[in-house]
């Protein structure tokens, strides 16, 4: 997650929470500020986001996600 760790979209409910993804507007703005090619960021970020969402939600379900709880 790194720099985008604070830019998560989360759905919370009585039974816990689910990570939905990154705030893509913030992610693209951060990429631009870091000098990353905008086209490259727009192509790559959604694929990285999908992996991050699956892994963090799986870790939360196992109770092993540091700093996150369901």
Foldseek 3Di string as FASTA:
>chain_A
DPPQPVFWDWDADPVGIATDWGPVVVQLVVCVVVVHDSVVCVVPRVVVGVVVRVVQRVCQVVVNRPPGHD
